[in-house]
Amino acid sequence: MILVDSSVWVDYFRGSITAQTDKLDRLLGREPLATGDLILAEVLQGFDSERDFKAAKRLLTTLLIVEIGGRDIAIPAARNYRLLRGHGITVRKTIDTMIATRCIESGLSVLHSDRNFDPFAAYLGLRVA
């Protein structure tokens, strides 16, 4: 299963054409997709109009919503952050560390356009869609 990150959803809802939004467009309705609870919040809070908010909510809530955090992810996420720091890499956002760790721990691939995920793929086995 593929978890779609907010970096792709934001571009998608803005109408930006990227390799990731093209892939998302091809996958929607054809493959089971997931997003995270924190991703859902990140994406929905960005809408100014109620109409756009409701349309995005309608689409996003048809997907499997994965709980990103919790104790079982927080501790491995801290370990992963520390491991990457040991390689001289500082991940800028804790939420990206949590998302990457959830994907690694749950065997999910991630569709993203955020460079914060690259070290997780290079050093920790994160699968990128």
Protein backbone atom coordinates (compact mmCIF):
# COMPACT_ATOMS: atom_id res chain seq x y z
CA MET A 1 0.00 0.00 0.00
CA ILE A 2 1.10 3.56 -0.72
CA LEU A 3 0.79 6.36 1.82
CA VAL A 4 0.50 9.78 0.16
CA ASP A 5 2.29 12.60 1.96
CA SER A 6 0.97 16.14 2.36
CA SER A 7 3.71 17.43 0.03
CA VAL A 8 1.94 15.63 -2.83
CA TRP A 9 -1.60 16.45 -1.71
CA VAL A 10 -0.84 20.17 -1.49
CA ASP A 11 0.51 20.20 -5.06
CA TYR A 12 -2.41 18.04 -6.21
CA PHE A 13 -5.08 20.34 -4.77
CA ARG A 14 -3.27 23.41 -6.12
CA GLY A 15 -3.35 21.87 -9.59
CA SER A 16 0.44 21.68 -9.86
CA ILE A 17 1.67 19.14 -12.37
CA THR A 18 4.60 17.13 -11.05
CA ALA A 19 5.78 13.54 -11.42
CA GLN A 20 4.21 12.83 -8.03
CA THR A 21 0.82 14.42 -8.77
CA ASP A 22 0.73 12.60 -12.12
CA LYS A 23 1.38 9.34 -10.30
CA LEU A 24 -1.30 10.15 -7.72
CA ASP A 25 -3.76 10.91 -10.51
CA ARG A 26 -3.04 7.51 -12.09
CA LEU A 27 -3.42 5.67 -8.77
CA LEU A 28 -6.61 7.32 -7.48
CA GLY A 29 -9.51 4.91 -7.85
CA ARG A 30 -7.26 2.16 -9.21
CA GLU A 31 -5.12 1.20 -6.23
CA PRO A 32 -5.73 1.31 -2.50
CA LEU A 33 -4.10 4.42 -1.09
CA ALA A 34 -3.58 5.65 2.43
CA THR A 35 -2.85 8.91 4.12
CA GLY A 36 -2.06 9.68 7.72
CA ASP A 37 -4.13 11.35 10.41
CA LEU A 38 -1.50 14.08 10.78
CA ILE A 39 -1.29 14.45 6.99
CA LEU A 40 -5.07 14.82 6.85
CA ALA A 41 -4.86 17.65 9.39
CA GLU A 42 -1.94 19.33 7.58
CA VAL A 43 -3.71 19.29 4.22
CA LEU A 44 -7.19 20.30 5.38
CA GLN A 45 -6.00 23.20 7.50
CA GLY A 46 -4.59 24.86 4.38
CA PHE A 47 -7.93 25.49 2.65
CA ASP A 48 -9.38 29.00 2.77
CA SER A 49 -12.81 28.24 1.31
CA GLU A 50 -15.33 25.95 2.96
CA ARG A 51 -16.23 24.49 -0.45
CA ASP A 52 -12.63 23.45 -1.18
CA PHE A 53 -12.23 22.15 2.38
CA LYS A 54 -15.32 19.95 2.01
CA ALA A 55 -14.28 18.64 -1.42
CA ALA A 56 -10.81 17.73 -0.17
CA LYS A 57 -12.23 16.16 2.98
CA ARG A 58 -14.62 14.09 0.90
CA LEU A 59 -11.74 12.72 -1.22
CA LEU A 60 -9.24 12.22 1.60
CA THR A 61 -11.66 10.39 3.87
CA THR A 62 -12.28 7.75 1.20
CA LEU A 63 -8.69 6.60 1.76
CA LEU A 64 -7.36 4.42 4.54
CA ILE A 65 -6.36 6.83 7.33
CA VAL A 66 -3.27 5.57 9.15
CA GLU A 67 -2.48 6.64 12.70
CA ILE A 68 0.97 8.16 12.36
CA GLY A 69 2.00 8.62 15.98
CA GLY A 70 1.56 6.85 19.24
CA ARG A 71 4.08 5.30 21.57
CA ASP A 72 4.94 2.43 19.22
CA ILE A 73 6.12 4.91 16.59
CA ALA A 74 7.44 7.74 18.76
CA ILE A 75 10.32 5.71 20.19
CA PRO A 76 11.50 4.20 16.87
CA ALA A 77 11.13 7.66 15.29
CA ALA A 78 13.47 9.11 17.92
CA ARG A 79 15.93 6.29 17.23
CA ASN A 80 15.72 6.93 13.48
CA TYR A 81 16.28 10.65 13.98
CA ARG A 82 19.32 9.93 16.15
CA LEU A 83 20.68 7.42 13.65
CA LEU A 84 20.42 9.97 10.83
CA ARG A 85 22.07 12.61 13.04
CA GLY A 86 24.92 10.13 13.45
CA HIS A 87 25.29 10.27 9.67
CA GLY A 88 25.40 14.07 9.80
CA ILE A 89 21.79 14.49 8.63
CA THR A 90 19.29 16.60 10.51
CA VAL A 91 15.67 16.05 9.49
CA ARG A 92 13.95 19.43 9.66
CA LYS A 93 10.47 18.29 10.69
CA THR A 94 9.51 15.87 13.44
CA ILE A 95 6.29 15.03 11.60
CA ASP A 96 8.32 13.78 8.60
CA THR A 97 10.35 11.57 10.93
CA MET A 98 7.11 10.17 12.34
CA ILE A 99 5.60 9.59 8.88
CA ALA A 100 8.73 7.91 7.54
CA THR A 101 9.01 5.71 10.62
CA ARG A 102 5.33 4.70 10.43
CA CYS A 103 5.86 3.70 6.80
CA ILE A 104 9.02 1.72 7.59
CA GLU A 105 7.43 -0.03 10.57
CA SER A 106 4.18 -0.82 8.71
CA GLY A 107 5.71 -1.78 5.37
CA LEU A 108 4.08 1.11 3.52
CA SER A 109 5.60 2.92 0.56
CA VAL A 110 5.39 6.70 0.58
CA LEU A 111 4.60 8.99 -2.32
CA HIS A 112 6.22 12.33 -1.54
CA SER A 113 7.94 15.38 -2.95
CA ASP A 114 9.78 16.35 0.22
CA ARG A 115 13.55 15.90 0.51
CA ASN A 116 13.21 15.13 4.23
CA PHE A 117 12.26 11.57 3.25
CA ASP A 118 15.38 10.94 1.15
CA PRO A 119 17.70 9.99 4.05
CA PHE A 120 15.10 7.54 5.38
CA ALA A 121 15.17 5.82 2.00
CA ALA A 122 18.96 5.93 1.74
CA TYR A 123 19.80 4.76 5.28
CA LEU A 124 16.71 3.14 6.80
CA GLY A 125 14.97 1.28 4.01
CA LEU A 126 11.97 3.57 3.48
CA ARG A 127 10.23 2.48 0.27
CA VAL A 128 9.35 5.35 -2.04
CA ALA A 129 6.49 4.96 -4.52
